[in-house]
């Protein structure tokens, strides 16, 4: 079963290290996938990042859309401990749709496959031992740049955990974002699908 929810983070004016997020918490996430519509570029200067991710107490596995150089580039990586080389990626333009997916495997879920597809394709594998991904995040991270671009749209999201989605799918936490996120949950299902 799929839960589908549209998420639009609408522009506001902000400077310095500013965050706009929607977050879900569960004991352990095993997968996250969806489609990301690449937004317009912000005004020149500063550092804009937009990313979906899974986070543990050791770091964050993310597909970062990086607009630092006046053009968007998207790539997968793990920022935290252990320190790992950044994964593969490709250039994107406003309006492009990129499908992202993170999937765990291995005895304890320590091997993560990260894939991106759209105007390009990229696949990366990360060994992240001892890292229980217990937060799913959709984020806009801004440093010295205004949130004068957007909207930022994630759609066709599927978030999978080891526990029933009914316990966490409808419970979001956010920073700098106030709109609701629609969802559907089948009792006993471990996957939360959002449009």
C-alpha atoms as a PDB file:
ATOM      1  CA  UNK A   1       0.000   0.000   0.000  1.00  0.00           C
ATOM      2  CA  UNK A   2       1.243   3.506  -0.712  1.00  0.00           C
ATOM      3  CA  UNK A   3       0.667   6.702   1.170  1.00  0.00           C
ATOM      4  CA  UNK A   4       1.064   9.768  -0.939  1.00  0.00           C
ATOM      5  CA  UNK A   5       1.251  13.380   0.275  1.00  0.00           C
ATOM      6  CA  UNK A   6       2.242  16.589  -1.402  1.00  0.00           C
ATOM      7  CA  UNK A   7       4.563  18.817   0.514  1.00  0.00           C
ATOM      8  CA  UNK A   8       5.244  22.392  -0.471  1.00  0.00           C
ATOM      9  CA  UNK A   9       7.516  24.538   1.606  1.00  0.00           C
ATOM     10  CA  UNK A  10       6.571  28.087   0.703  1.00  0.00           C
ATOM     11  CA  UNK A  11       9.088  30.930   0.564  1.00  0.00           C
ATOM     12  CA  UNK A  12       9.761  33.286   3.437  1.00  0.00           C
ATOM     13  CA  UNK A  13      12.595  35.721   4.047  1.00  0.00           C
ATOM     14  CA  UNK A  14      15.397  34.461   6.328  1.00  0.00           C
ATOM     15  CA  UNK A  15      19.158  34.870   6.682  1.00  0.00           C
ATOM     16  CA  UNK A  16      22.042  32.988   8.338  1.00  0.00           C
ATOM     17  CA  UNK A  17      21.697  29.319   9.307  1.00  0.00           C
ATOM     18  CA  UNK A  18      17.953  28.864   8.877  1.00  0.00           C
ATOM     19  CA  UNK A  19      16.030  25.580   8.709  1.00  0.00           C
ATOM     20  CA  UNK A  20      12.620  24.696   7.289  1.00  0.00           C
ATOM     21  CA  UNK A  21      11.788  21.027   7.903  1.00  0.00           C
ATOM     22  CA  UNK A  22       9.083  18.410   8.180  1.00  0.00           C
ATOM     23  CA  UNK A  23      10.174  15.392  10.265  1.00  0.00           C
ATOM     24  CA  UNK A  24       8.880  11.961  11.268  1.00  0.00           C
ATOM     25  CA  UNK A  25      10.218   9.896  14.186  1.00  0.00           C
ATOM     26  CA  UNK A  26      10.068   6.100  14.573  1.00  0.00           C
ATOM     27  CA  UNK A  27      12.249   3.519  16.345  1.00  0.00           C
ATOM     28  CA  UNK A  28      13.907   2.478  13.048  1.00  0.00           C
ATOM     29  CA  UNK A  29      13.432   3.501   9.422  1.00  0.00           C
ATOM     30  CA  UNK A  30      14.526   1.064   6.704  1.00  0.00           C
ATOM     31  CA  UNK A  31      13.686   3.003   3.526  1.00  0.00           C
ATOM     32  CA  UNK A  32      12.737   6.418   2.171  1.00  0.00           C
ATOM     33  CA  UNK A  33      11.847   7.252  -1.424  1.00  0.00           C
ATOM     34  CA  UNK A  34       9.994   9.875  -3.407  1.00  0.00           C
ATOM     35  CA  UNK A  35      10.102  12.503  -6.111  1.00  0.00           C
ATOM     36  CA  UNK A  36      11.642  15.941  -5.653  1.00  0.00           C
ATOM     37  CA  UNK A  37      10.754  18.817  -7.998  1.00  0.00           C
ATOM     38  CA  UNK A  38      13.863  20.994  -8.331  1.00  0.00           C
ATOM     39  CA  UNK A  39      12.959  24.566  -7.278  1.00  0.00           C
ATOM     40  CA  UNK A  40      13.948  27.876  -8.841  1.00  0.00           C
ATOM     41  CA  UNK A  41      17.374  29.087  -7.790  1.00  0.00           C
ATOM     42  CA  UNK A  42      17.526  31.684  -5.020  1.00  0.00           C
ATOM     43  CA  UNK A  43      19.142  35.081  -5.513  1.00  0.00           C
ATOM     44  CA  UNK A  44      22.938  34.785  -5.876  1.00  0.00           C
ATOM     45  CA  UNK A  45      25.080  34.502  -2.754  1.00  0.00           C
ATOM     46  CA  UNK A  46      24.918  32.312   0.306  1.00  0.00           C
ATOM     47  CA  UNK A  47      24.443  28.578   0.489  1.00  0.00           C
ATOM     48  CA  UNK A  48      21.052  26.966  -0.250  1.00  0.00           C
ATOM     49  CA  UNK A  49      20.573  23.236   0.297  1.00  0.00           C
ATOM     50  CA  UNK A  50      17.339  21.260  -0.110  1.00  0.00           C
ATOM     51  CA  UNK A  51      17.276  17.602   0.909  1.00  0.00           C
ATOM     52  CA  UNK A  52      15.335  14.516   1.938  1.00  0.00           C
ATOM     53  CA  UNK A  53      17.126  12.357   4.510  1.00  0.00           C
ATOM     54  CA  UNK A  54      17.184   9.675   7.159  1.00  0.00           C
ATOM     55  CA  UNK A  55      18.957  10.579  10.390  1.00  0.00           C
ATOM     56  CA  UNK A  56      20.492   8.669  13.290  1.00  0.00           C
ATOM     57  CA  UNK A  57      22.311   9.853  16.400  1.00  0.00           C
ATOM     58  CA  UNK A  58      25.547   9.454  14.367  1.00  0.00           C
ATOM     59  CA  UNK A  59      24.673  11.459  11.267  1.00  0.00           C
ATOM     60  CA  UNK A  60      22.381  11.978   8.323  1.00  0.00           C
ATOM     61  CA  UNK A  61      22.015  10.049   5.031  1.00  0.00           C
ATOM     62  CA  UNK A  62      20.806  12.626   2.528  1.00  0.00           C
ATOM     63  CA  UNK A  63      20.229  13.464  -1.127  1.00  0.00           C
ATOM     64  CA  UNK A  64      21.430  17.071  -1.134  1.00  0.00           C
ATOM     65  CA  UNK A  65      20.401  19.533  -3.821  1.00  0.00           C
ATOM     66  CA  UNK A  66      23.218  22.097  -3.596  1.00  0.00           C
ATOM     67  CA  UNK A  67      22.808  25.574  -5.124  1.00  0.00           C
ATOM     68  CA  UNK A  68      26.021  27.213  -3.887  1.00  0.00           C
ATOM     69  CA  UNK A  69      27.527  27.869  -7.319  1.00  0.00           C
ATOM     70  CA  UNK A  70      24.540  29.471  -9.054  1.00  0.00           C
ATOM     71  CA  UNK A  71      23.281  26.132 -10.383  1.00  0.00           C
ATOM     72  CA  UNK A  72      21.710  23.084  -8.733  1.00  0.00           C
ATOM     73  CA  UNK A  73      23.619  19.810  -8.288  1.00  0.00           C
ATOM     74  CA  UNK A  74      22.144  16.802  -6.443  1.00  0.00           C
ATOM     75  CA  UNK A  75      24.107  13.987  -4.836  1.00  0.00           C
ATOM     76  CA  UNK A  76      23.865  11.389  -2.079  1.00  0.00           C
ATOM     77  CA  UNK A  77      26.016  11.318   1.011  1.00  0.00           C
ATOM     78  CA  UNK A  78      26.314  10.528   4.704  1.00  0.00           C
ATOM     79  CA  UNK A  79      27.351  13.413   6.935  1.00  0.00           C
ATOM     80  CA  UNK A  80      28.457  12.210  10.365  1.00  0.00           C
ATOM     81  CA  UNK A  81      30.382   9.351  11.966  1.00  0.00           C
ATOM     82  CA  UNK A  82      31.884   7.426  10.302  1.00  0.00           C
ATOM     83  CA  UNK A  83      33.206  10.086   7.922  1.00  0.00           C
ATOM     84  CA  UNK A  84      32.486   8.724   4.438  1.00  0.00           C
ATOM     85  CA  UNK A  85      33.332   9.978   0.931  1.00  0.00           C
ATOM     86  CA  UNK A  86      30.441  11.767  -0.773  1.00  0.00           C
ATOM     87  CA  UNK A  87      28.458   9.649  -3.218  1.00  0.00           C
ATOM     88  CA  UNK A  88      27.540  10.197  -6.848  1.00  0.00           C
ATOM     89  CA  UNK A  89      25.334  12.937  -8.272  1.00  0.00           C
ATOM     90  CA  UNK A  90      24.495  15.098 -11.291  1.00  0.00           C
ATOM     91  CA  UNK A  91      23.448  18.606 -12.347  1.00  0.00           C
ATOM     92  CA  UNK A  92      19.749  19.503 -12.347  1.00  0.00           C
ATOM     93  CA  UNK A  93      17.664  22.484 -13.466  1.00  0.00           C
ATOM     94  CA  UNK A  94      14.552  24.105 -11.984  1.00  0.00           C
ATOM     95  CA  UNK A  95      11.491  22.023 -12.857  1.00  0.00           C
ATOM     96  CA  UNK A  96      13.399  18.749 -13.209  1.00  0.00           C
ATOM     97  CA  UNK A  97      11.951  15.857 -11.205  1.00  0.00           C
ATOM     98  CA  UNK A  98      14.435  13.629  -9.398  1.00  0.00           C
ATOM     99  CA  UNK A  99      13.411  10.294  -7.889  1.00  0.00           C
ATOM    100  CA  UNK A 100      15.427   9.466  -4.765  1.00  0.00           C
ATOM    101  CA  UNK A 101      15.571   6.233  -2.763  1.00  0.00           C
ATOM    102  CA  UNK A 102      17.416   5.062   0.343  1.00  0.00           C
ATOM    103  CA  UNK A 103      17.160   1.346   1.200  1.00  0.00           C
ATOM    104  CA  UNK A 104      18.890  -0.579   3.977  1.00  0.00           C
ATOM    105  CA  UNK A 105      20.177  -4.149   3.839  1.00  0.00           C
ATOM    106  CA  UNK A 106      22.622  -6.341   5.713  1.00  0.00           C
ATOM    107  CA  UNK A 107      22.246  -8.264   8.958  1.00  0.00           C
ATOM    108  CA  UNK A 108      21.639  -5.129  11.023  1.00  0.00           C
ATOM    109  CA  UNK A 109      20.603  -2.776   8.225  1.00  0.00           C
ATOM    110  CA  UNK A 110      24.072  -1.211   8.134  1.00  0.00           C
ATOM    111  CA  UNK A 111      24.400  -1.166   4.325  1.00  0.00           C
ATOM    112  CA  UNK A 112      22.513   1.645   2.616  1.00  0.00           C
ATOM    113  CA  UNK A 113      21.859   1.899  -1.115  1.00  0.00           C
ATOM    114  CA  UNK A 114      21.156   5.436  -2.344  1.00  0.00           C
ATOM    115  CA  UNK A 115      19.828   6.032  -5.848  1.00  0.00           C
ATOM    116  CA  UNK A 116      18.917   9.144  -7.803  1.00  0.00           C
ATOM    117  CA  UNK A 117      17.241   9.239 -11.223  1.00  0.00           C
ATOM    118  CA  UNK A 118      15.899  12.030 -13.395  1.00  0.00           C
ATOM    119  CA  UNK A 119      17.912  13.982 -15.948  1.00  0.00           C
ATOM    120  CA  UNK A 120      20.852  11.842 -14.778  1.00  0.00           C
ATOM    121  CA  UNK A 121      21.342   8.727 -12.662  1.00  0.00           C
ATOM    122  CA  UNK A 122      23.541   8.000  -9.669  1.00  0.00           C
ATOM    123  CA  UNK A 123      23.910   5.048  -7.312  1.00  0.00           C
ATOM    124  CA  UNK A 124      25.974   4.992  -4.121  1.00  0.00           C
ATOM    125  CA  UNK A 125      26.430   2.470  -1.316  1.00  0.00           C
ATOM    126  CA  UNK A 126      27.276   3.478   2.245  1.00  0.00           C
ATOM    127  CA  UNK A 127      28.408   1.250   5.129  1.00  0.00           C
ATOM    128  CA  UNK A 128      26.999   2.898   8.268  1.00  0.00           C
ATOM    129  CA  UNK A 129      27.464   0.453  11.182  1.00  0.00           C
ATOM    130  CA  UNK A 130      25.782   1.097  14.529  1.00  0.00           C
ATOM    131  CA  UNK A 131      23.493   3.778  13.099  1.00  0.00           C
ATOM    132  CA  UNK A 132      19.762   3.320  13.665  1.00  0.00           C
ATOM    133  CA  UNK A 133      17.942   5.735  11.367  1.00  0.00           C
ATOM    134  CA  UNK A 134      15.125   6.994  13.594  1.00  0.00           C
ATOM    135  CA  UNK A 135      14.143  10.250  11.886  1.00  0.00           C
ATOM    136  CA  UNK A 136      12.961  10.984   8.329  1.00  0.00           C
ATOM    137  CA  UNK A 137      13.431  14.601   7.255  1.00  0.00           C
ATOM    138  CA  UNK A 138      12.522  16.890   4.357  1.00  0.00           C
ATOM    139  CA  UNK A 139      14.629  20.036   4.714  1.00  0.00           C
ATOM    140  CA  UNK A 140      15.540  23.420   3.328  1.00  0.00           C
ATOM    141  CA  UNK A 141      18.851  24.511   4.878  1.00  0.00           C
ATOM    142  CA  UNK A 142      19.938  28.101   4.227  1.00  0.00           C
ATOM    143  CA  UNK A 143      23.118  29.957   5.140  1.00  0.00           C
ATOM    144  CA  UNK A 144      23.311  33.667   4.298  1.00  0.00           C
ATOM    145  CA  UNK A 145      20.604  33.397   1.669  1.00  0.00           C
ATOM    146  CA  UNK A 146      16.920  34.345   1.737  1.00  0.00           C
ATOM    147  CA  UNK A 147      14.208  31.771   1.201  1.00  0.00           C
ATOM    148  CA  UNK A 148      13.076  33.712  -1.861  1.00  0.00           C
ATOM    149  CA  UNK A 149      12.722  30.679  -4.102  1.00  0.00           C
ATOM    150  CA  UNK A 150      10.311  27.803  -4.374  1.00  0.00           C
ATOM    151  CA  UNK A 151       7.969  26.312  -3.815  1.00  0.00           C
ATOM    152  CA  UNK A 152       9.941  23.263  -2.684  1.00  0.00           C
ATOM    153  CA  UNK A 153       7.882  20.189  -3.570  1.00  0.00           C
ATOM    154  CA  UNK A 154       8.361  16.561  -2.495  1.00  0.00           C
ATOM    155  CA  UNK A 155       5.730  14.074  -3.692  1.00  0.00           C
ATOM    156  CA  UNK A 156       5.044  10.339  -3.908  1.00  0.00           C
ATOM    157  CA  UNK A 157       6.895   9.820  -0.635  1.00  0.00           C
ATOM    158  CA  UNK A 158       7.175   6.335   0.833  1.00  0.00           C
ATOM    159  CA  UNK A 159       8.712   6.027   4.302  1.00  0.00           C
ATOM    160  CA  UNK A 160       9.226   2.517   5.717  1.00  0.00           C
ATOM    161  CA  UNK A 161       9.925   1.626   9.345  1.00  0.00           C
ATOM    162  CA  UNK A 162      10.115  -1.525  11.443  1.00  0.00           C
ATOM    163  CA  UNK A 163       6.982  -0.492  13.358  1.00  0.00           C
ATOM    164  CA  UNK A 164       3.387   0.148  12.290  1.00  0.00           C
ATOM    165  CA  UNK A 165       3.017   3.406  10.355  1.00  0.00           C
ATOM    166  CA  UNK A 166      -0.162   4.157  12.311  1.00  0.00           C
ATOM    167  CA  UNK A 167       2.066   5.022  15.280  1.00  0.00           C
ATOM    168  CA  UNK A 168       4.208   7.635  13.526  1.00  0.00           C
ATOM    169  CA  UNK A 169       3.048   8.568  10.000  1.00  0.00           C
ATOM    170  CA  UNK A 170       0.550  11.243  11.061  1.00  0.00           C
ATOM    171  CA  UNK A 171       2.823  12.749  13.709  1.00  0.00           C
ATOM    172  CA  UNK A 172       5.182  15.321  12.252  1.00  0.00           C
ATOM    173  CA  UNK A 173       7.541  17.806  13.850  1.00  0.00           C
ATOM    174  CA  UNK A 174       8.675  20.862  11.931  1.00  0.00           C
ATOM    175  CA  UNK A 175      10.897  23.906  11.982  1.00  0.00           C
ATOM    176  CA  UNK A 176       9.794  26.987  10.045  1.00  0.00           C
ATOM    177  CA  UNK A 177       6.941  25.147   8.303  1.00  0.00           C
ATOM    178  CA  UNK A 178       3.327  25.308   9.396  1.00  0.00           C
ATOM    179  CA  UNK A 179       1.145  23.643   6.730  1.00  0.00           C
ATOM    180  CA  UNK A 180      -0.296  20.192   7.307  1.00  0.00           C
ATOM    181  CA  UNK A 181       0.841  17.055   5.527  1.00  0.00           C
ATOM    182  CA  UNK A 182      -1.891  14.696   4.323  1.00  0.00           C
ATOM    183  CA  UNK A 183      -1.450  10.954   4.664  1.00  0.00           C
ATOM    184  CA  UNK A 184      -3.244   7.617   4.763  1.00  0.00           C
ATOM    185  CA  UNK A 185      -2.294   4.707   7.004  1.00  0.00           C
ATOM    186  CA  UNK A 186      -3.276   1.040   6.945  1.00  0.00           C
ATOM    187  CA  UNK A 187      -3.191  -0.348  10.480  1.00  0.00           C
ATOM    188  CA  UNK A 188      -0.321  -2.774  10.858  1.00  0.00           C
ATOM    189  CA  UNK A 189       1.427  -1.511   7.730  1.00  0.00           C
ATOM    190  CA  UNK A 190       5.032  -0.393   8.271  1.00  0.00           C
ATOM    191  CA  UNK A 191       5.066   1.959   5.274  1.00  0.00           C
ATOM    192  CA  UNK A 192       3.768   5.534   5.209  1.00  0.00           C
ATOM    193  CA  UNK A 193       2.995   6.805   1.713  1.00  0.00           C
ATOM    194  CA  UNK A 194       2.373  10.495   1.145  1.00  0.00           C
ATOM    195  CA  UNK A 195       1.339  12.341  -2.023  1.00  0.00           C
END
